[in-house]
């Protein structure tokens, strides 16, 4: 199932663009001083990409909230975007209630669930996504694309982002088979090793996405860090360790020249401690093209790792168990309060 969902990424992007072109949003009644996107896991990673895609154009700060409590600065001049693919993520619902109390401009993105019910009842803008019931991580195209169109509507991302998105679809479609073969080769190199993922600060979301996909699809632990920040701490940790590491570095021709130099020096240092170091040079002309190329490669890599480990890439029973235990605990607390 997961391989079919990964393969459909460009088609999902096309469908997401159609939804984005037809979304109905209302202008904010007050000036927007900041944007907060509430979302976790597969429902939240789209915001990480949207923040990077809009960074060189957006005039107000934008950040993610991945917990139960909104930042204290949220007020009536804030835009709070609640993204939960199922519409039932408890942290997101908690933040929705807080945003309502603070009088923020609220927009909800979900496939249904309680979040959409609340948005409709309270008169907030909402965007309904297709694919209800499928894993949120396999629907990045929908949540991320709506954020791009939403930011464009409110003048917080360049118009070129929309054309870049369409070019990214063309790139991925033309490179699909090459990407799959590359992912298969990479998986064989890193199988049985502890992956360490690096990229520069302009594509940090790519590293986060791969880590999450290796966790959920591949059922393995791994780590990621961002250049140049890792040069101020993690680099010192590269010493002889009782672990077999596989280093993956995602690069772009548009990375800052000093970060290009840092990567070369990092490779020399890290090369003393691992024989497995793979560089991935992103294809595409724009940041959106390059990032989505890397996303698709990462998704296929996580699938190939799952195949080598003979695990079900779709299964997330431990997360289901956690949610069940939290529900039971919450029910018990309510009974004791009564």
Protein backbone atom coordinates (compact mmCIF):
# COMPACT_ATOMS: atom_id res chain seq x y z
CA UNK A 1 0.00 0.00 0.00
CA UNK A 2 2.66 2.52 1.01
CA UNK A 3 4.57 2.09 -2.26
CA UNK A 4 1.43 2.94 -4.23
CA UNK A 5 0.91 6.05 -2.09
CA UNK A 6 4.52 7.14 -2.63
CA UNK A 7 4.24 6.52 -6.36
CA UNK A 8 1.13 8.69 -6.50
CA UNK A 9 2.93 11.75 -5.06
CA UNK A 10 2.99 13.72 -8.34
CA UNK A 11 -0.67 12.89 -8.96
CA UNK A 12 -1.51 13.99 -5.42
CA UNK A 13 0.30 17.26 -6.08
CA UNK A 14 -1.79 17.81 -9.22
CA UNK A 15 -5.00 17.16 -7.31
CA UNK A 16 -3.79 19.40 -4.47
CA UNK A 17 -3.14 22.24 -6.93
CA UNK A 18 -6.72 21.98 -8.18
CA UNK A 19 -8.00 22.18 -4.61
CA UNK A 20 -5.71 25.14 -3.92
CA UNK A 21 -6.94 27.00 -6.98
CA UNK A 22 -10.51 26.73 -5.72
CA UNK A 23 -10.20 27.23 -1.96
CA UNK A 24 -12.47 29.83 -0.43
CA UNK A 25 -10.79 32.07 2.12
CA UNK A 26 -11.91 35.29 3.77
CA UNK A 27 -9.65 38.32 4.23
CA UNK A 28 -8.49 38.98 7.76
CA UNK A 29 -10.43 41.75 9.50
CA UNK A 30 -7.29 42.85 11.35
CA UNK A 31 -3.63 43.20 10.33
CA UNK A 32 -1.72 39.90 10.62
CA UNK A 33 1.42 40.29 12.70
CA UNK A 34 2.41 36.62 12.89
CA UNK A 35 1.43 33.18 11.60
CA UNK A 36 1.39 30.00 13.70
CA UNK A 37 0.75 26.60 12.12
CA UNK A 38 -0.42 23.94 14.54
CA UNK A 39 0.35 20.42 13.32
CA UNK A 40 2.24 17.31 14.30
CA UNK A 41 3.84 14.42 12.45
CA UNK A 42 2.67 13.96 8.89
CA UNK A 43 0.13 16.74 9.38
CA UNK A 44 2.76 19.24 10.51
CA UNK A 45 5.71 18.65 8.20
CA UNK A 46 4.00 20.59 5.39
CA UNK A 47 4.30 23.72 7.53
CA UNK A 48 8.06 23.24 7.84
CA UNK A 49 8.30 23.29 4.05
CA UNK A 50 5.94 26.26 3.70
CA UNK A 51 8.02 28.27 6.16
CA UNK A 52 11.18 27.66 4.13
CA UNK A 53 9.46 28.26 0.77
CA UNK A 54 8.16 31.65 1.94
CA UNK A 55 11.18 32.77 3.98
CA UNK A 56 12.62 35.17 1.39
CA UNK A 57 9.29 36.88 0.73
CA UNK A 58 7.12 36.70 3.84
CA UNK A 59 6.91 39.94 5.84
CA UNK A 60 5.72 38.47 9.15
CA UNK A 61 7.19 35.73 11.36
CA UNK A 62 5.83 32.22 10.84
CA UNK A 63 6.45 29.23 13.07
CA UNK A 64 5.04 25.85 13.96
CA UNK A 65 3.45 24.74 17.21
CA UNK A 66 3.83 21.04 17.88
CA UNK A 67 2.34 20.76 21.36
CA UNK A 68 -0.71 21.46 23.49
CA UNK A 69 -0.02 25.15 24.19
CA UNK A 70 0.06 28.09 21.81
CA UNK A 71 2.79 30.73 22.20
CA UNK A 72 1.81 33.53 24.58
CA UNK A 73 2.11 36.17 21.84
CA UNK A 74 -0.87 34.78 19.89
CA UNK A 75 -3.68 37.35 19.87
CA UNK A 76 -6.27 38.93 17.58
CA UNK A 77 -3.48 39.92 15.17
CA UNK A 78 -2.32 36.33 14.75
CA UNK A 79 -3.25 33.85 12.07
CA UNK A 80 -3.47 30.33 13.48
CA UNK A 81 -3.62 27.53 10.91
CA UNK A 82 -4.72 24.22 12.42
CA UNK A 83 -3.55 21.26 10.33
CA UNK A 84 -4.64 17.76 11.29
CA UNK A 85 -5.16 15.25 8.51
CA UNK A 86 -7.61 13.18 10.55
CA UNK A 87 -9.12 16.26 12.15
CA UNK A 88 -8.92 14.58 15.54
CA UNK A 89 -5.36 15.22 16.74
CA UNK A 90 -5.76 16.12 20.41
CA UNK A 91 -2.88 18.60 20.55
CA UNK A 92 -4.27 20.47 17.53
CA UNK A 93 -7.77 20.56 19.00
CA UNK A 94 -6.34 21.95 22.24
CA UNK A 95 -4.59 24.74 20.33
CA UNK A 96 -7.73 25.44 18.31
CA UNK A 97 -9.63 26.17 21.51
CA UNK A 98 -6.87 28.50 22.72
CA UNK A 99 -6.75 30.32 19.38
CA UNK A 100 -10.51 30.82 19.59
CA UNK A 101 -10.24 32.27 23.09
CA UNK A 102 -7.50 34.65 21.94
CA UNK A 103 -9.55 35.91 19.01
CA UNK A 104 -7.01 34.84 16.38
CA UNK A 105 -7.82 34.47 12.69
CA UNK A 106 -8.28 30.68 12.40
CA UNK A 107 -8.05 28.47 9.32
CA UNK A 108 -8.43 24.67 9.58
CA UNK A 109 -7.00 22.08 7.18
CA UNK A 110 -8.20 18.46 7.58
CA UNK A 111 -9.89 15.57 5.82
CA UNK A 112 -12.78 15.77 8.28
CA UNK A 113 -13.13 14.94 11.97
CA UNK A 114 -13.84 17.20 14.90
CA UNK A 115 -11.60 20.01 13.63
CA UNK A 116 -13.75 20.59 10.55
CA UNK A 117 -16.90 20.27 12.65
CA UNK A 118 -15.66 22.98 15.01
CA UNK A 119 -14.51 25.25 12.18
CA UNK A 120 -17.91 25.07 10.51
CA UNK A 121 -19.78 25.57 13.79
CA UNK A 122 -17.62 28.54 14.78
CA UNK A 123 -17.59 30.12 11.32
CA UNK A 124 -13.88 29.72 10.57
CA UNK A 125 -12.36 29.13 7.14
CA UNK A 126 -11.67 25.46 6.47
CA UNK A 127 -10.06 23.41 3.73
CA UNK A 128 -11.20 19.81 3.40
CA UNK A 129 -8.61 17.36 2.07
CA UNK A 130 -9.23 14.05 0.27
CA UNK A 131 -7.76 10.72 1.32
CA UNK A 132 -9.47 10.28 4.70
CA UNK A 133 -8.30 7.09 6.40
CA UNK A 134 -4.89 6.90 4.75
CA UNK A 135 -1.68 7.68 6.68
CA UNK A 136 -1.11 11.44 7.15
CA UNK A 137 2.56 11.07 6.14
CA UNK A 138 1.42 9.79 2.74
CA UNK A 139 -0.62 12.95 2.15
CA UNK A 140 2.07 15.62 2.44
CA UNK A 141 1.17 16.87 -1.04
CA UNK A 142 -2.29 17.94 0.09
CA UNK A 143 -1.48 19.74 3.35
CA UNK A 144 1.69 21.42 2.07
CA UNK A 145 0.11 22.64 -1.16
CA UNK A 146 -2.86 24.20 0.64
CA UNK A 147 -0.45 26.10 2.86
CA UNK A 148 1.32 27.47 -0.21
CA UNK A 149 -1.97 28.64 -1.74
CA UNK A 150 -3.13 29.99 1.60
CA UNK A 151 0.06 32.02 2.05
CA UNK A 152 -0.30 33.30 -1.50
CA UNK A 153 -3.88 34.44 -0.83
CA UNK A 154 -2.69 36.49 2.15
CA UNK A 155 0.32 37.89 0.30
CA UNK A 156 2.93 35.96 2.26
CA UNK A 157 4.61 33.97 -0.52
CA UNK A 158 5.79 34.96 -3.99
CA UNK A 159 3.49 34.23 -6.94
CA UNK A 160 6.37 32.31 -8.51
CA UNK A 161 5.82 29.61 -5.85
CA UNK A 162 2.72 28.48 -7.72
CA UNK A 163 4.56 28.01 -11.01
CA UNK A 164 7.50 26.42 -9.18
CA UNK A 165 5.09 23.90 -7.71
CA UNK A 166 3.87 22.91 -11.16
CA UNK A 167 7.45 22.64 -12.41
CA UNK A 168 8.22 20.38 -9.45
CA UNK A 169 5.40 18.05 -10.52
CA UNK A 170 6.86 17.85 -14.02
CA UNK A 171 10.33 17.20 -12.61
CA UNK A 172 9.19 14.38 -10.33
CA UNK A 173 7.15 12.74 -13.08
CA UNK A 174 10.10 12.80 -15.47
CA UNK A 175 12.52 11.54 -12.81
CA UNK A 176 10.25 8.96 -11.14
CA UNK A 177 12.05 5.83 -12.37
CA UNK A 178 15.52 7.31 -11.81
CA UNK A 179 14.50 8.33 -8.29
CA UNK A 180 13.27 4.81 -7.49
CA UNK A 181 16.50 3.23 -8.75
CA UNK A 182 18.62 5.73 -6.82
CA UNK A 183 16.64 5.04 -3.64
CA UNK A 184 17.16 1.30 -4.07
CA UNK A 185 20.93 1.73 -4.41
CA UNK A 186 21.10 4.06 -1.43
CA UNK A 187 19.09 1.66 0.73
CA UNK A 188 21.60 -1.13 0.13
CA UNK A 189 24.44 1.15 1.24
CA UNK A 190 22.81 2.25 4.47
CA UNK A 191 21.01 -0.98 5.44
CA UNK A 192 21.99 -2.15 8.91
CA UNK A 193 23.65 1.17 9.74
CA UNK A 194 22.54 4.19 11.78
CA UNK A 195 21.59 6.95 9.33
CA UNK A 196 22.77 10.49 10.06
CA UNK A 197 21.12 13.07 7.81
CA UNK A 198 22.55 16.50 7.03
CA UNK A 199 21.44 19.40 4.86
CA UNK A 200 21.75 23.17 4.95
CA UNK A 201 19.37 25.58 6.62
CA UNK A 202 17.51 26.39 3.38
CA UNK A 203 16.28 22.77 3.13
CA UNK A 204 16.02 21.75 6.76
CA UNK A 205 12.52 20.33 6.23
CA UNK A 206 13.98 17.75 3.84
CA UNK A 207 16.11 16.30 6.64
CA UNK A 208 13.17 16.27 9.04
CA UNK A 209 10.98 14.53 6.47
CA UNK A 210 13.53 11.78 5.81
CA UNK A 211 14.04 11.18 9.53
CA UNK A 212 10.29 10.87 10.06
CA UNK A 213 9.88 8.56 7.07
CA UNK A 214 12.73 6.28 8.17
CA UNK A 215 11.14 6.17 11.63
CA UNK A 216 7.62 5.35 10.47
CA UNK A 217 8.13 3.47 7.21
CA UNK A 218 11.51 1.88 7.85
CA UNK A 219 10.96 1.29 11.59
CA UNK A 220 14.48 2.50 12.47
CA UNK A 221 16.05 5.22 14.57
CA UNK A 222 18.18 7.89 12.91
CA UNK A 223 19.25 11.48 13.45
CA UNK A 224 19.39 14.72 11.50
CA UNK A 225 21.07 18.09 11.88
CA UNK A 226 21.42 21.31 9.92
CA UNK A 227 24.51 23.02 8.49
CA UNK A 228 25.90 25.44 9.65
CA UNK A 229 24.42 24.85 13.14
CA UNK A 230 25.91 21.34 13.41
CA UNK A 231 29.36 22.85 12.90
CA UNK A 232 28.96 24.53 16.29
CA UNK A 233 28.23 21.34 18.25
CA UNK A 234 27.60 17.95 16.60
CA UNK A 235 30.81 17.99 14.57
CA UNK A 236 32.77 17.59 17.79
CA UNK A 237 30.87 14.34 18.43
CA UNK A 238 32.42 12.69 15.40
CA UNK A 239 34.90 10.39 17.10
CA UNK A 240 35.33 6.62 17.11
CA UNK A 241 32.00 5.11 18.17
CA UNK A 242 30.73 1.53 18.61
CA UNK A 243 28.11 2.26 15.92
CA UNK A 244 28.22 1.81 12.17
CA UNK A 245 27.03 5.15 10.76
CA UNK A 246 25.72 5.97 7.29
CA UNK A 247 25.83 9.68 6.49
CA UNK A 248 23.44 11.23 3.97
CA UNK A 249 24.09 14.81 2.85
CA UNK A 250 21.42 16.59 0.80
CA UNK A 251 22.92 19.41 -1.24
CA UNK A 252 21.84 22.14 -3.64
CA UNK A 253 23.75 24.23 -6.13
CA UNK A 254 22.04 27.20 -4.49
CA UNK A 255 23.39 26.56 -0.99
CA UNK A 256 25.33 29.51 0.44
CA UNK A 257 28.96 29.44 -0.72
CA UNK A 258 30.22 29.19 2.86
CA UNK A 259 27.90 26.23 3.50
CA UNK A 260 29.27 24.58 0.36
CA UNK A 261 32.74 24.99 1.83
CA UNK A 262 31.55 23.70 5.21
CA UNK A 263 30.15 20.56 3.61
CA UNK A 264 33.49 19.77 1.97
CA UNK A 265 35.33 20.20 5.27
CA UNK A 266 32.69 18.17 7.11
CA UNK A 267 33.09 15.33 4.62
CA UNK A 268 36.82 15.24 5.26
CA UNK A 269 36.35 15.10 9.04
CA UNK A 270 33.45 12.64 9.05
CA UNK A 271 35.19 10.43 6.51
CA UNK A 272 37.66 9.37 9.22
CA UNK A 273 34.83 7.69 11.14
CA UNK A 274 32.58 6.11 8.51
CA UNK A 275 33.03 4.52 5.11
CA UNK A 276 29.43 5.22 4.15
CA UNK A 277 28.83 8.81 3.09
CA UNK A 278 26.30 9.54 0.36
CA UNK A 279 25.74 12.95 -1.21
CA UNK A 280 22.43 13.75 -2.86
CA UNK A 281 22.45 16.73 -5.22
CA UNK A 282 18.93 18.09 -5.55
CA UNK A 283 17.59 18.51 -9.06
CA UNK A 284 15.52 21.49 -10.12
CA UNK A 285 15.97 25.23 -10.45
CA UNK A 286 13.86 26.56 -7.57
CA UNK A 287 13.84 25.70 -3.88
CA UNK A 288 10.41 24.10 -4.24
CA UNK A 289 11.57 21.89 -7.12
CA UNK A 290 14.73 20.87 -5.28
CA UNK A 291 12.99 20.18 -1.98
CA UNK A 292 10.19 18.09 -3.51
CA UNK A 293 12.69 16.12 -5.57
CA UNK A 294 14.49 15.27 -2.32
CA UNK A 295 11.19 14.46 -0.59
CA UNK A 296 10.25 11.94 -3.25
CA UNK A 297 13.68 10.34 -3.13
CA UNK A 298 13.49 10.20 0.67
CA UNK A 299 10.07 8.58 0.62
CA UNK A 300 11.24 5.87 -1.76
CA UNK A 301 14.37 5.37 0.33
CA UNK A 302 12.25 4.76 3.44
CA UNK A 303 10.18 2.24 1.47
CA UNK A 304 13.29 0.39 0.26
CA UNK A 305 14.64 0.23 3.82
CA UNK A 306 11.32 -1.29 4.93
CA UNK A 307 11.63 -3.94 2.22
CA UNK A 308 15.19 -4.84 3.21
CA UNK A 309 14.11 -5.10 6.84
CA UNK A 310 10.98 -7.05 5.85
CA UNK A 311 8.66 -4.78 7.82
CA UNK A 312 5.27 -3.33 6.98
CA UNK A 313 5.89 0.29 5.96
CA UNK A 314 2.28 1.27 6.68
CA UNK A 315 1.92 -0.17 10.20
CA UNK A 316 2.22 2.22 13.18
CA UNK A 317 0.73 0.07 15.95
CA UNK A 318 2.83 1.65 18.68
CA UNK A 319 1.38 5.09 17.89
CA UNK A 320 -2.13 3.61 17.91
CA UNK A 321 -1.35 2.05 21.32
CA UNK A 322 -0.11 5.39 22.66
CA UNK A 323 -3.27 7.19 21.53
CA UNK A 324 -5.42 4.46 23.05
CA UNK A 325 -3.63 4.69 26.39
CA UNK A 326 -3.96 8.48 26.40
CA UNK A 327 -7.69 8.18 25.72
CA UNK A 328 -8.09 5.67 28.54
CA UNK A 329 -6.05 7.86 30.89
CA UNK A 330 -8.11 10.92 30.01
CA UNK A 331 -11.36 9.04 30.58
CA UNK A 332 -10.12 7.84 33.98
CA UNK A 333 -9.15 11.41 34.96
CA UNK A 334 -12.61 12.70 34.06
CA UNK A 335 -14.28 10.00 36.16
CA UNK A 336 -12.07 10.82 39.15
CA UNK A 337 -12.95 14.52 38.78
CA UNK A 338 -16.60 13.61 39.06
